[in-house]
């Protein structure tokens, strides 16, 4: 039985049926769609996304110039205007396209805490945030919305271990976090770097990733090798359990993303072990079999 996922964003607040035609601006009541003047819409102060891709924004602008804004943004009333909840890319692109108005759902949001939670969860569900932005969003949900890691995992529909491992990215040096934000290294690289306890060595390996284009697997090996040599008594190798656990968690996360289901990696001795892949129905098993067949075809 799958656990319930709470607060999946604005989908639970917006009717599934076709939205009504936009109402006149002076009749923009909560729960309706209205055409709003762009100049009356404030940006969202709780926006978790720090980077907006320029080419992608230009592409959206051209689409809006040709076809208009297809999906309404969402806003709440503030003072004499409105505050954006979701849709900042659409707002930016609409302004650059020369539009004066934009269709919007007007929602009743009474507190800043509720506003923050909706904005963060909606972005986590719908936007292609980089791993560090996701981690920052998780932390804000915990600190500013008073949620535990377990509640955060329920709100965003992720395993608690995934939330925990993502939050650990914020322990990396700022230089490495910025590289993840800019797409210079992947989230997999960053998680592998967490297996290195010494910050100066983390930075040194990070620079090797940039200069030598190291794979995630190569970084994981460097982390394991460093753990074996550090503090090994009388020349006897001793792998750090913490580093090994981090490497296994990183591998499990990569497999979860690839297969779209829960995966457990269980190491044994002499480099052996087993991988347990869960499925939840006959249809889910068929999906996995089709995916394996597709992966097999790619290797031929």
Protein backbone atom coordinates (compact mmCIF):
# COMPACT_ATOMS: atom_id res chain seq x y z
CA UNK A 1 0.00 0.00 0.00
CA UNK A 2 1.56 3.31 -1.03
CA UNK A 3 1.77 6.02 1.59
CA UNK A 4 -0.41 9.11 1.08
CA UNK A 5 1.27 12.15 -0.38
CA UNK A 6 0.03 15.35 1.18
CA UNK A 7 0.08 18.79 -0.35
CA UNK A 8 1.01 17.84 -3.91
CA UNK A 9 0.98 21.51 -4.78
CA UNK A 10 -1.84 23.49 -6.28
CA UNK A 11 -3.45 20.58 -8.10
CA UNK A 12 -5.52 19.85 -5.00
CA UNK A 13 -6.85 23.41 -4.97
CA UNK A 14 -7.58 23.88 -8.65
CA UNK A 15 -10.57 22.08 -10.21
CA UNK A 16 -9.70 19.37 -12.74
CA UNK A 17 -12.46 20.36 -15.13
CA UNK A 18 -11.89 22.95 -17.81
CA UNK A 19 -11.42 26.35 -16.14
CA UNK A 20 -14.04 29.03 -16.72
CA UNK A 21 -13.41 31.87 -19.09
CA UNK A 22 -11.31 34.64 -17.51
CA UNK A 23 -13.35 37.12 -15.51
CA UNK A 24 -12.95 40.88 -15.84
CA UNK A 25 -10.11 42.29 -13.76
CA UNK A 26 -12.37 44.07 -11.25
CA UNK A 27 -14.20 40.79 -10.56
CA UNK A 28 -11.16 38.62 -9.80
CA UNK A 29 -12.60 36.73 -6.84
CA UNK A 30 -10.74 33.91 -5.10
CA UNK A 31 -11.17 30.56 -6.80
CA UNK A 32 -11.64 32.03 -10.27
CA UNK A 33 -9.54 32.68 -13.37
CA UNK A 34 -8.99 36.32 -14.30
CA UNK A 35 -6.99 38.42 -16.75
CA UNK A 36 -4.68 40.49 -14.55
CA UNK A 37 -2.45 43.43 -15.40
CA UNK A 38 1.16 42.29 -15.21
CA UNK A 39 2.12 45.55 -13.50
CA UNK A 40 -0.14 44.66 -10.55
CA UNK A 41 1.58 41.30 -9.92
CA UNK A 42 4.41 41.22 -7.38
CA UNK A 43 7.09 38.55 -7.61
CA UNK A 44 7.00 35.65 -5.18
CA UNK A 45 9.35 36.39 -2.24
CA UNK A 46 9.42 32.66 -1.44
CA UNK A 47 10.55 31.59 -4.92
CA UNK A 48 13.02 28.68 -4.41
CA UNK A 49 14.51 28.87 -7.91
CA UNK A 50 17.61 31.06 -8.03
CA UNK A 51 18.63 30.44 -11.65
CA UNK A 52 16.48 30.87 -14.78
CA UNK A 53 17.86 29.44 -18.00
CA UNK A 54 18.18 32.22 -20.60
CA UNK A 55 17.66 30.17 -23.79
CA UNK A 56 14.69 28.36 -22.24
CA UNK A 57 13.15 31.70 -21.27
CA UNK A 58 13.65 33.01 -24.82
CA UNK A 59 11.95 29.91 -26.21
CA UNK A 60 8.98 30.43 -23.88
CA UNK A 61 8.79 34.09 -24.91
CA UNK A 62 8.59 33.14 -28.60
CA UNK A 63 5.88 30.58 -27.81
CA UNK A 64 3.86 33.21 -25.93
CA UNK A 65 4.24 35.68 -28.80
CA UNK A 66 2.85 33.06 -31.18
CA UNK A 67 0.17 31.32 -29.07
CA UNK A 68 -0.27 33.35 -25.89
CA UNK A 69 -0.09 32.09 -22.30
CA UNK A 70 -1.74 28.64 -22.38
CA UNK A 71 -1.47 27.72 -18.68
CA UNK A 72 -2.62 30.35 -16.13
CA UNK A 73 -0.26 31.41 -13.39
CA UNK A 74 -1.43 31.34 -9.75
CA UNK A 75 -1.61 34.37 -7.46
CA UNK A 76 -3.05 35.58 -4.17
CA UNK A 77 -4.49 38.97 -3.27
CA UNK A 78 -2.23 41.44 -1.45
CA UNK A 79 -3.17 45.06 -0.69
CA UNK A 80 -4.29 46.60 -3.99
CA UNK A 81 -2.66 43.99 -6.20
CA UNK A 82 -1.59 40.35 -6.38
CA UNK A 83 1.39 38.26 -5.37
CA UNK A 84 2.70 35.46 -7.55
CA UNK A 85 2.55 31.91 -6.18
CA UNK A 86 3.75 29.93 -9.21
CA UNK A 87 4.54 30.84 -12.81
CA UNK A 88 7.48 33.25 -12.57
CA UNK A 89 8.96 32.02 -15.88
CA UNK A 90 5.62 32.68 -17.60
CA UNK A 91 5.43 36.15 -16.06
CA UNK A 92 8.97 37.04 -17.09
CA UNK A 93 8.47 35.70 -20.62
CA UNK A 94 5.09 37.47 -20.97
CA UNK A 95 6.64 40.79 -19.98
CA UNK A 96 9.49 40.31 -22.45
CA UNK A 97 6.93 39.38 -25.12
CA UNK A 98 5.22 42.73 -24.58
CA UNK A 99 1.99 41.44 -22.99
CA UNK A 100 0.08 43.71 -20.62
CA UNK A 101 -2.16 41.05 -19.07
CA UNK A 102 -1.88 37.39 -18.14
CA UNK A 103 -4.48 34.74 -17.13
CA UNK A 104 -4.26 33.76 -13.47
CA UNK A 105 -5.95 31.58 -10.86
CA UNK A 106 -6.69 33.72 -7.80
CA UNK A 107 -6.37 31.61 -4.65
CA UNK A 108 -7.19 32.38 -1.04
CA UNK A 109 -3.92 32.10 0.89
CA UNK A 110 -4.12 33.61 4.36
CA UNK A 111 -0.64 33.21 5.86
CA UNK A 112 2.94 33.59 4.66
CA UNK A 113 3.68 30.12 6.00
CA UNK A 114 0.96 28.59 3.82
CA UNK A 115 2.22 30.68 0.88
CA UNK A 116 5.77 29.45 1.40
CA UNK A 117 4.73 25.81 1.69
CA UNK A 118 2.61 25.94 -1.47
CA UNK A 119 5.30 27.74 -3.46
CA UNK A 120 8.03 25.33 -2.38
CA UNK A 121 6.00 22.17 -2.88
CA UNK A 122 4.63 23.29 -6.25
CA UNK A 123 8.13 24.05 -7.48
CA UNK A 124 9.48 20.76 -6.15
CA UNK A 125 6.71 18.89 -7.96
CA UNK A 126 6.75 20.75 -11.28
CA UNK A 127 10.01 22.62 -11.80
CA UNK A 128 13.35 21.20 -12.90
CA UNK A 129 15.22 22.46 -9.84
CA UNK A 130 18.88 21.54 -9.46
CA UNK A 131 19.74 19.31 -6.46
CA UNK A 132 21.04 22.16 -4.31
CA UNK A 133 17.86 24.21 -4.88
CA UNK A 134 15.86 21.12 -3.90
CA UNK A 135 17.93 20.79 -0.73
CA UNK A 136 17.41 24.46 0.12
CA UNK A 137 13.67 24.03 -0.41
CA UNK A 138 13.60 21.01 1.93
CA UNK A 139 15.48 22.99 4.57
CA UNK A 140 13.09 25.94 4.27
CA UNK A 141 10.10 23.63 4.65
CA UNK A 142 11.66 22.34 7.86
CA UNK A 143 12.83 25.65 9.30
CA UNK A 144 10.13 28.06 8.15
CA UNK A 145 7.11 25.72 8.00
CA UNK A 146 8.07 23.70 11.09
CA UNK A 147 7.99 20.35 9.25
CA UNK A 148 10.00 17.29 10.22
CA UNK A 149 11.95 15.32 7.61
CA UNK A 150 9.20 12.70 7.69
CA UNK A 151 6.51 15.32 6.98
CA UNK A 152 8.63 16.85 4.21
CA UNK A 153 8.96 13.41 2.60
CA UNK A 154 5.16 12.99 2.76
CA UNK A 155 4.50 16.46 1.30
CA UNK A 156 6.81 15.98 -1.69
CA UNK A 157 6.24 12.24 -2.23
CA UNK A 158 9.85 11.15 -1.68
CA UNK A 159 11.39 8.54 0.58
CA UNK A 160 12.72 9.98 3.83
CA UNK A 161 16.20 8.67 2.95
CA UNK A 162 16.08 10.69 -0.28
CA UNK A 163 15.19 13.85 1.65
CA UNK A 164 17.98 13.16 4.17
CA UNK A 165 20.61 12.54 1.50
CA UNK A 166 19.56 15.63 -0.45
CA UNK A 167 19.80 17.83 2.67
CA UNK A 168 23.37 16.61 3.19
CA UNK A 169 24.39 18.42 -0.01
CA UNK A 170 24.17 21.66 1.98
CA UNK A 171 27.19 20.50 4.03
CA UNK A 172 29.43 20.75 0.96
CA UNK A 173 31.66 23.82 0.50
CA UNK A 174 29.92 26.77 -1.14
CA UNK A 175 32.16 26.49 -4.22
CA UNK A 176 30.86 22.96 -4.86
CA UNK A 177 27.24 23.94 -4.20
CA UNK A 178 27.53 26.75 -6.75
CA UNK A 179 28.96 24.31 -9.30
CA UNK A 180 25.87 22.10 -8.85
CA UNK A 181 23.58 25.14 -9.25
CA UNK A 182 25.31 26.07 -12.51
CA UNK A 183 25.28 22.52 -13.87
CA UNK A 184 29.09 22.20 -13.85
CA UNK A 185 28.81 18.95 -11.89
CA UNK A 186 25.83 16.66 -11.33
CA UNK A 187 23.98 15.82 -8.14
CA UNK A 188 25.57 12.36 -8.36
CA UNK A 189 29.04 13.93 -8.28
CA UNK A 190 28.05 16.04 -5.28
CA UNK A 191 26.66 13.05 -3.37
CA UNK A 192 29.85 11.11 -4.12
CA UNK A 193 31.91 13.99 -2.71
CA UNK A 194 30.02 13.64 0.57
CA UNK A 195 31.90 10.36 1.03
CA UNK A 196 35.07 12.44 1.54
CA UNK A 197 35.18 13.76 5.09
CA UNK A 198 38.00 16.32 4.71
CA UNK A 199 36.77 19.57 3.16
CA UNK A 200 40.09 20.43 1.53
CA UNK A 201 40.17 17.00 -0.15
CA UNK A 202 36.54 17.43 -1.24
CA UNK A 203 37.60 20.64 -2.99
CA UNK A 204 40.66 18.98 -4.53
CA UNK A 205 38.60 16.09 -5.94
CA UNK A 206 35.94 18.57 -7.14
CA UNK A 207 38.58 20.39 -9.18
CA UNK A 208 39.70 17.07 -10.66
CA UNK A 209 36.09 16.46 -11.73
CA UNK A 210 36.14 19.78 -13.60
CA UNK A 211 39.61 19.44 -15.13
CA UNK A 212 39.49 15.73 -15.98
CA UNK A 213 35.74 15.26 -16.54
CA UNK A 214 35.61 12.44 -13.98
CA UNK A 215 32.55 10.19 -13.88
CA UNK A 216 30.43 9.74 -10.75
CA UNK A 217 31.77 6.20 -10.41
CA UNK A 218 35.36 7.47 -10.49
CA UNK A 219 34.60 9.96 -7.71
CA UNK A 220 32.95 7.24 -5.62
CA UNK A 221 36.11 5.13 -6.01
CA UNK A 222 38.29 8.05 -4.91
CA UNK A 223 36.08 8.46 -1.83
CA UNK A 224 36.35 4.76 -0.97
CA UNK A 225 40.11 4.67 -1.54
CA UNK A 226 40.60 7.70 0.68
CA UNK A 227 38.50 6.13 3.44
CA UNK A 228 40.60 2.93 3.35
CA UNK A 229 43.94 4.70 3.68
CA UNK A 230 42.90 7.24 6.30
CA UNK A 231 43.78 6.08 9.78
CA UNK A 232 44.29 2.40 8.88
CA UNK A 233 46.17 0.87 11.85
CA UNK A 234 49.54 -0.84 11.11
CA UNK A 235 48.96 -0.73 7.38
CA UNK A 236 45.76 -2.79 7.55
CA UNK A 237 43.05 -1.41 5.23
CA UNK A 238 39.84 -0.39 6.95
CA UNK A 239 37.02 1.17 4.95
CA UNK A 240 35.00 3.83 6.73
CA UNK A 241 31.45 2.55 7.29
CA UNK A 242 30.17 6.08 6.85
CA UNK A 243 31.84 6.51 3.47
CA UNK A 244 30.65 3.07 2.30
CA UNK A 245 27.10 3.87 3.36
CA UNK A 246 27.19 7.18 1.48
CA UNK A 247 28.44 5.43 -1.68
CA UNK A 248 25.66 2.82 -1.43
CA UNK A 249 23.01 5.51 -0.84
CA UNK A 250 24.26 7.41 -3.88
CA UNK A 251 24.03 4.27 -6.02
CA UNK A 252 20.53 3.51 -4.71
CA UNK A 253 19.37 7.02 -5.57
CA UNK A 254 20.73 6.74 -9.13
CA UNK A 255 18.92 3.42 -9.61
CA UNK A 256 15.67 4.85 -8.15
CA UNK A 257 15.78 7.70 -10.64
CA UNK A 258 16.52 5.32 -13.52
CA UNK A 259 13.86 2.72 -12.65
CA UNK A 260 11.21 4.90 -10.99
CA UNK A 261 10.81 2.59 -7.99
CA UNK A 262 12.42 1.76 -4.66
CA UNK A 263 15.78 0.00 -4.97
CA UNK A 264 17.97 -1.49 -2.22
CA UNK A 265 21.67 -2.23 -2.74
CA UNK A 266 23.03 -4.82 -0.27
CA UNK A 267 26.81 -5.17 -0.43
CA UNK A 268 28.43 -8.45 0.61
CA UNK A 269 32.07 -9.53 0.84
CA UNK A 270 34.69 -9.45 -1.91
CA UNK A 271 32.82 -6.86 -3.96
CA UNK A 272 29.70 -8.99 -4.28
CA UNK A 273 26.15 -8.18 -3.23
CA UNK A 274 22.58 -7.98 -4.44
CA UNK A 275 20.18 -5.37 -5.79
CA UNK A 276 16.52 -5.60 -4.74
CA UNK A 277 14.03 -3.84 -7.04
CA UNK A 278 10.49 -3.41 -5.73
CA UNK A 279 7.30 -3.41 -7.81
CA UNK A 280 3.78 -2.75 -6.60
CA UNK A 281 1.46 -4.33 -9.15
CA UNK A 282 1.41 -6.50 -12.26
CA UNK A 283 1.32 -3.32 -14.38
CA UNK A 284 4.33 -1.96 -12.50
CA UNK A 285 6.23 -5.21 -13.16
CA UNK A 286 5.35 -4.99 -16.87
CA UNK A 287 6.66 -1.42 -16.89
CA UNK A 288 9.97 -2.52 -15.39
CA UNK A 289 10.29 -5.42 -17.86
CA UNK A 290 9.65 -3.03 -20.76
CA UNK A 291 12.30 -0.68 -19.33
CA UNK A 292 14.85 -3.49 -19.04
CA UNK A 293 14.10 -4.54 -22.63
CA UNK A 294 14.61 -0.97 -23.80
CA UNK A 295 17.93 -0.73 -21.93
CA UNK A 296 19.02 -4.04 -23.46
CA UNK A 297 18.21 -2.78 -26.96
CA UNK A 298 20.36 0.31 -26.37
CA UNK A 299 23.41 -1.85 -25.61
CA UNK A 300 23.12 -3.77 -28.91
